[in-house]
Amino acid sequence: MKQFGRVLLGSSLLALASCTTPGFDRAWKQSVSSAPRRGEVTGAWAGTWTSAANGHTGKLRCLVEQKDEDTLSFRYWASWAGWMQATFRAEGDVQPGPDGRYRVKGTKKMFPWGTYSHEGVISPDHMEASFRSERSNLGRFEMSRPSGD
């Protein structure tokens, strides 16, 4: 019975992780085709993520939107293991810096992996951040403006 539960859980996670939403793909293509306004950090971003805890890495795309004056909304698409992919959303409190860059930090509950915290810096053409989970996963991601893929 225990083995059946593991297989069921593994199958469910695999099904969840291997799907991406057509809505993200449409929004991504639309955002890439329209250049961001000068000095803005909203819009499309592309790059990679890496886990320092286990060495896993993958592609990362993100759509950034202004939720309100102090909050940015991040809509991510991530891949790993060469073929698995998923989308998720996160929000972050944003503070403008004197150098024209923005500091962002927030938390996100991601079942079944626990709560993640993220902290990063965004300029109009570069984004980098670190993430950490309550279950010992930690890593970084780095992104820039996409060239139109």
C-alpha atoms as a PDB file:
ATOM      1  CA  MET A   1       0.000   0.000   0.000  1.00  0.00           C
ATOM      2  CA  LYS A   2       2.865   2.352   0.839  1.00  0.00           C
ATOM      3  CA  GLN A   3       4.390   1.732  -2.611  1.00  0.00           C
ATOM      4  CA  PHE A   4       1.068   2.563  -4.294  1.00  0.00           C
ATOM      5  CA  GLY A   5       0.935   5.892  -2.419  1.00  0.00           C
ATOM      6  CA  ARG A   6       4.436   6.780  -3.591  1.00  0.00           C
ATOM      7  CA  VAL A   7       3.618   5.892  -7.197  1.00  0.00           C
ATOM      8  CA  LEU A   8       0.411   7.927  -7.049  1.00  0.00           C
ATOM      9  CA  LEU A   9       2.188  10.925  -5.514  1.00  0.00           C
ATOM     10  CA  GLY A  10       5.057  10.671  -8.001  1.00  0.00           C
ATOM     11  CA  SER A  11       2.665  10.408 -10.945  1.00  0.00           C
ATOM     12  CA  SER A  12       0.658  13.379  -9.729  1.00  0.00           C
ATOM     13  CA  LEU A  13       3.762  15.528  -9.284  1.00  0.00           C
ATOM     14  CA  LEU A  14       5.086  14.490 -12.678  1.00  0.00           C
ATOM     15  CA  ALA A  15       1.793  15.361 -14.356  1.00  0.00           C
ATOM     16  CA  LEU A  16       1.707  18.718 -12.598  1.00  0.00           C
ATOM     17  CA  ALA A  17       5.344  19.507 -13.362  1.00  0.00           C
ATOM     18  CA  SER A  18       5.238  18.508 -17.017  1.00  0.00           C
ATOM     19  CA  CYS A  19       2.453  20.863 -18.025  1.00  0.00           C
ATOM     20  CA  THR A  20       2.620  24.505 -18.886  1.00  0.00           C
ATOM     21  CA  THR A  21      -0.277  26.799 -19.434  1.00  0.00           C
ATOM     22  CA  PRO A  22      -1.128  28.047 -22.914  1.00  0.00           C
ATOM     23  CA  GLY A  23      -2.023  31.348 -21.217  1.00  0.00           C
ATOM     24  CA  PHE A  24       1.600  31.883 -20.197  1.00  0.00           C
ATOM     25  CA  ASP A  25       2.853  31.153 -23.710  1.00  0.00           C
ATOM     26  CA  ARG A  26       0.426  33.653 -25.257  1.00  0.00           C
ATOM     27  CA  ALA A  27       1.262  36.354 -22.720  1.00  0.00           C
ATOM     28  CA  TRP A  28       4.987  35.658 -23.170  1.00  0.00           C
ATOM     29  CA  LYS A  29       4.868  36.042 -26.962  1.00  0.00           C
ATOM     30  CA  GLN A  30       2.842  39.237 -26.668  1.00  0.00           C
ATOM     31  CA  SER A  31       5.210  40.726 -24.089  1.00  0.00           C
ATOM     32  CA  VAL A  32       8.344  39.811 -26.067  1.00  0.00           C
ATOM     33  CA  SER A  33       6.936  41.444 -29.195  1.00  0.00           C
ATOM     34  CA  SER A  34       6.416  44.776 -27.408  1.00  0.00           C
ATOM     35  CA  ALA A  35       9.584  46.415 -26.120  1.00  0.00           C
ATOM     36  CA  PRO A  36       9.481  47.748 -22.546  1.00  0.00           C
ATOM     37  CA  ARG A  37       9.393  51.486 -22.037  1.00  0.00           C
ATOM     38  CA  ARG A  38      12.754  53.042 -21.268  1.00  0.00           C
ATOM     39  CA  GLY A  39      13.741  52.505 -17.640  1.00  0.00           C
ATOM     40  CA  GLU A  40      10.901  50.081 -16.831  1.00  0.00           C
ATOM     41  CA  VAL A  41      11.385  46.692 -15.201  1.00  0.00           C
ATOM     42  CA  THR A  42       7.993  45.258 -16.166  1.00  0.00           C
ATOM     43  CA  GLY A  43       7.639  42.934 -19.142  1.00  0.00           C
ATOM     44  CA  ALA A  44       9.397  39.782 -20.324  1.00  0.00           C
ATOM     45  CA  TRP A  45      12.621  38.332 -18.913  1.00  0.00           C
ATOM     46  CA  ALA A  46      14.579  35.156 -19.768  1.00  0.00           C
ATOM     47  CA  GLY A  47      17.488  33.316 -18.192  1.00  0.00           C
ATOM     48  CA  THR A  48      18.348  30.383 -15.964  1.00  0.00           C
ATOM     49  CA  TRP A  49      17.968  29.186 -12.391  1.00  0.00           C
ATOM     50  CA  THR A  50      20.361  27.007 -10.388  1.00  0.00           C
ATOM     51  CA  SER A  51      19.919  25.208  -7.088  1.00  0.00           C
ATOM     52  CA  ALA A  52      23.032  25.348  -4.914  1.00  0.00           C
ATOM     53  CA  ALA A  53      21.580  22.593  -2.724  1.00  0.00           C
ATOM     54  CA  ASN A  54      21.402  19.873  -5.395  1.00  0.00           C
ATOM     55  CA  GLY A  55      22.946  21.325  -8.571  1.00  0.00           C
ATOM     56  CA  HIS A  56      19.710  21.233 -10.551  1.00  0.00           C
ATOM     57  CA  THR A  57      19.359  23.946 -13.179  1.00  0.00           C
ATOM     58  CA  GLY A  58      17.007  24.945 -15.958  1.00  0.00           C
ATOM     59  CA  LYS A  59      15.602  27.636 -18.180  1.00  0.00           C
ATOM     60  CA  LEU A  60      13.540  30.399 -16.633  1.00  0.00           C
ATOM     61  CA  ARG A  61      11.166  32.918 -18.175  1.00  0.00           C
ATOM     62  CA  CYS A  62       9.277  35.584 -16.295  1.00  0.00           C
ATOM     63  CA  LEU A  63       6.586  38.169 -16.917  1.00  0.00           C
ATOM     64  CA  VAL A  64       6.790  41.071 -14.482  1.00  0.00           C
ATOM     65  CA  GLU A  65       3.764  43.302 -13.863  1.00  0.00           C
ATOM     66  CA  GLN A  66       3.204  46.203 -11.490  1.00  0.00           C
ATOM     67  CA  LYS A  67       0.516  45.086  -9.038  1.00  0.00           C
ATOM     68  CA  ASP A  68       0.446  48.350  -7.068  1.00  0.00           C
ATOM     69  CA  GLU A  69       2.879  51.102  -6.132  1.00  0.00           C
ATOM     70  CA  ASP A  70       4.880  48.874  -3.757  1.00  0.00           C
ATOM     71  CA  THR A  71       4.394  45.387  -5.250  1.00  0.00           C
ATOM     72  CA  LEU A  72       5.545  43.577  -8.376  1.00  0.00           C
ATOM     73  CA  SER A  73       3.876  40.407  -9.640  1.00  0.00           C
ATOM     74  CA  PHE A  74       6.146  37.733 -11.149  1.00  0.00           C
ATOM     75  CA  ARG A  75       4.708  35.051 -13.414  1.00  0.00           C
ATOM     76  CA  TYR A  76       7.357  32.363 -13.959  1.00  0.00           C
ATOM     77  CA  TRP A  77       7.829  29.457 -16.356  1.00  0.00           C
ATOM     78  CA  ALA A  78      10.644  27.102 -15.347  1.00  0.00           C
ATOM     79  CA  SER A  79      12.109  23.930 -16.812  1.00  0.00           C
ATOM     80  CA  TRP A  80      14.294  21.263 -15.211  1.00  0.00           C
ATOM     81  CA  ALA A  81      15.623  17.786 -15.922  1.00  0.00           C
ATOM     82  CA  GLY A  82      15.644  18.666 -19.615  1.00  0.00           C
ATOM     83  CA  TRP A  83      11.922  18.108 -20.146  1.00  0.00           C
ATOM     84  CA  MET A  84       9.829  18.965 -17.081  1.00  0.00           C
ATOM     85  CA  GLN A  85       8.269  22.403 -16.815  1.00  0.00           C
ATOM     86  CA  ALA A  86       5.807  24.341 -14.694  1.00  0.00           C
ATOM     87  CA  THR A  87       4.456  27.833 -14.171  1.00  0.00           C
ATOM     88  CA  PHE A  88       3.928  29.653 -10.899  1.00  0.00           C
ATOM     89  CA  ARG A  89       3.307  33.141  -9.592  1.00  0.00           C
ATOM     90  CA  ALA A  90       4.987  35.134  -6.846  1.00  0.00           C
ATOM     91  CA  GLU A  91       4.807  38.679  -5.580  1.00  0.00           C
ATOM     92  CA  GLY A  92       7.473  40.878  -4.117  1.00  0.00           C
ATOM     93  CA  ASP A  93       7.651  44.136  -2.239  1.00  0.00           C
ATOM     94  CA  VAL A  94       9.683  46.585  -4.304  1.00  0.00           C
ATOM     95  CA  GLN A  95      11.890  49.437  -3.110  1.00  0.00           C
ATOM     96  CA  PRO A  96      13.540  51.815  -5.601  1.00  0.00           C
ATOM     97  CA  GLY A  97      17.222  52.466  -4.974  1.00  0.00           C
ATOM     98  CA  PRO A  98      19.192  55.650  -5.568  1.00  0.00           C
ATOM     99  CA  ASP A  99      21.127  53.916  -8.378  1.00  0.00           C
ATOM    100  CA  GLY A 100      17.999  53.322 -10.518  1.00  0.00           C
ATOM    101  CA  ARG A 101      17.772  49.664  -9.550  1.00  0.00           C
ATOM    102  CA  TYR A 102      14.936  48.104  -7.559  1.00  0.00           C
ATOM    103  CA  ARG A 103      15.242  45.753  -4.595  1.00  0.00           C
ATOM    104  CA  VAL A 104      12.541  43.091  -4.376  1.00  0.00           C
ATOM    105  CA  LYS A 105      11.755  40.533  -1.678  1.00  0.00           C
ATOM    106  CA  GLY A 106       8.870  38.238  -0.903  1.00  0.00           C
ATOM    107  CA  THR A 107       7.703  34.741   0.045  1.00  0.00           C
ATOM    108  CA  LYS A 108       5.669  32.090  -1.739  1.00  0.00           C
ATOM    109  CA  LYS A 109       4.159  28.811  -0.507  1.00  0.00           C
ATOM    110  CA  MET A 110       4.855  26.128  -3.117  1.00  0.00           C
ATOM    111  CA  PHE A 111       3.177  22.834  -2.308  1.00  0.00           C
ATOM    112  CA  PRO A 112       4.729  20.303  -1.715  1.00  0.00           C
ATOM    113  CA  TRP A 113       8.123  22.005  -1.411  1.00  0.00           C
ATOM    114  CA  GLY A 114       7.235  24.397   1.405  1.00  0.00           C
ATOM    115  CA  THR A 115       7.593  28.166   1.642  1.00  0.00           C
ATOM    116  CA  TYR A 116      10.234  29.895  -0.441  1.00  0.00           C
ATOM    117  CA  SER A 117      11.651  33.342   0.183  1.00  0.00           C
ATOM    118  CA  HIS A 118      13.221  35.360  -2.601  1.00  0.00           C
ATOM    119  CA  GLU A 119      15.289  38.512  -2.687  1.00  0.00           C
ATOM    120  CA  GLY A 120      16.770  40.266  -5.688  1.00  0.00           C
ATOM    121  CA  VAL A 121      17.789  43.326  -7.636  1.00  0.00           C
ATOM    122  CA  ILE A 122      16.239  44.471 -10.910  1.00  0.00           C
ATOM    123  CA  SER A 123      17.539  47.055 -13.345  1.00  0.00           C
ATOM    124  CA  PRO A 124      15.875  47.838 -16.681  1.00  0.00           C
ATOM    125  CA  ASP A 125      18.016  45.197 -18.459  1.00  0.00           C
ATOM    126  CA  HIS A 126      19.146  42.709 -15.775  1.00  0.00           C
ATOM    127  CA  MET A 127      17.501  40.759 -12.949  1.00  0.00           C
ATOM    128  CA  GLU A 128      19.210  38.567 -10.397  1.00  0.00           C
ATOM    129  CA  ALA A 129      17.866  37.017  -7.231  1.00  0.00           C
ATOM    130  CA  SER A 130      18.409  34.334  -4.638  1.00  0.00           C
ATOM    131  CA  PHE A 131      15.826  31.925  -3.288  1.00  0.00           C
ATOM    132  CA  ARG A 132      15.667  29.758  -0.184  1.00  0.00           C
ATOM    133  CA  SER A 133      13.115  27.245   1.019  1.00  0.00           C
ATOM    134  CA  GLU A 134      12.274  26.214   4.546  1.00  0.00           C
ATOM    135  CA  ARG A 135      13.282  22.699   3.459  1.00  0.00           C
ATOM    136  CA  SER A 136      16.930  23.537   2.697  1.00  0.00           C
ATOM    137  CA  ASN A 137      16.750  24.296  -1.032  1.00  0.00           C
ATOM    138  CA  LEU A 138      18.572  27.441  -2.017  1.00  0.00           C
ATOM    139  CA  GLY A 139      19.836  28.911  -5.234  1.00  0.00           C
ATOM    140  CA  ARG A 140      19.977  31.790  -7.657  1.00  0.00           C
ATOM    141  CA  PHE A 141      18.525  32.938 -10.902  1.00  0.00           C
ATOM    142  CA  GLU A 142      19.680  35.465 -13.426  1.00  0.00           C
ATOM    143  CA  MET A 143      17.722  36.932 -16.302  1.00  0.00           C
ATOM    144  CA  SER A 144      17.940  39.597 -18.976  1.00  0.00           C
ATOM    145  CA  ARG A 145      15.590  40.937 -21.610  1.00  0.00           C
ATOM    146  CA  PRO A 146      14.811  38.309 -24.261  1.00  0.00           C
ATOM    147  CA  SER A 147      15.897  38.861 -27.828  1.00  0.00           C
ATOM    148  CA  GLY A 148      12.648  37.419 -29.186  1.00  0.00           C
ATOM    149  CA  ASP A 149      12.361  33.627 -28.949  1.00  0.00           C
END
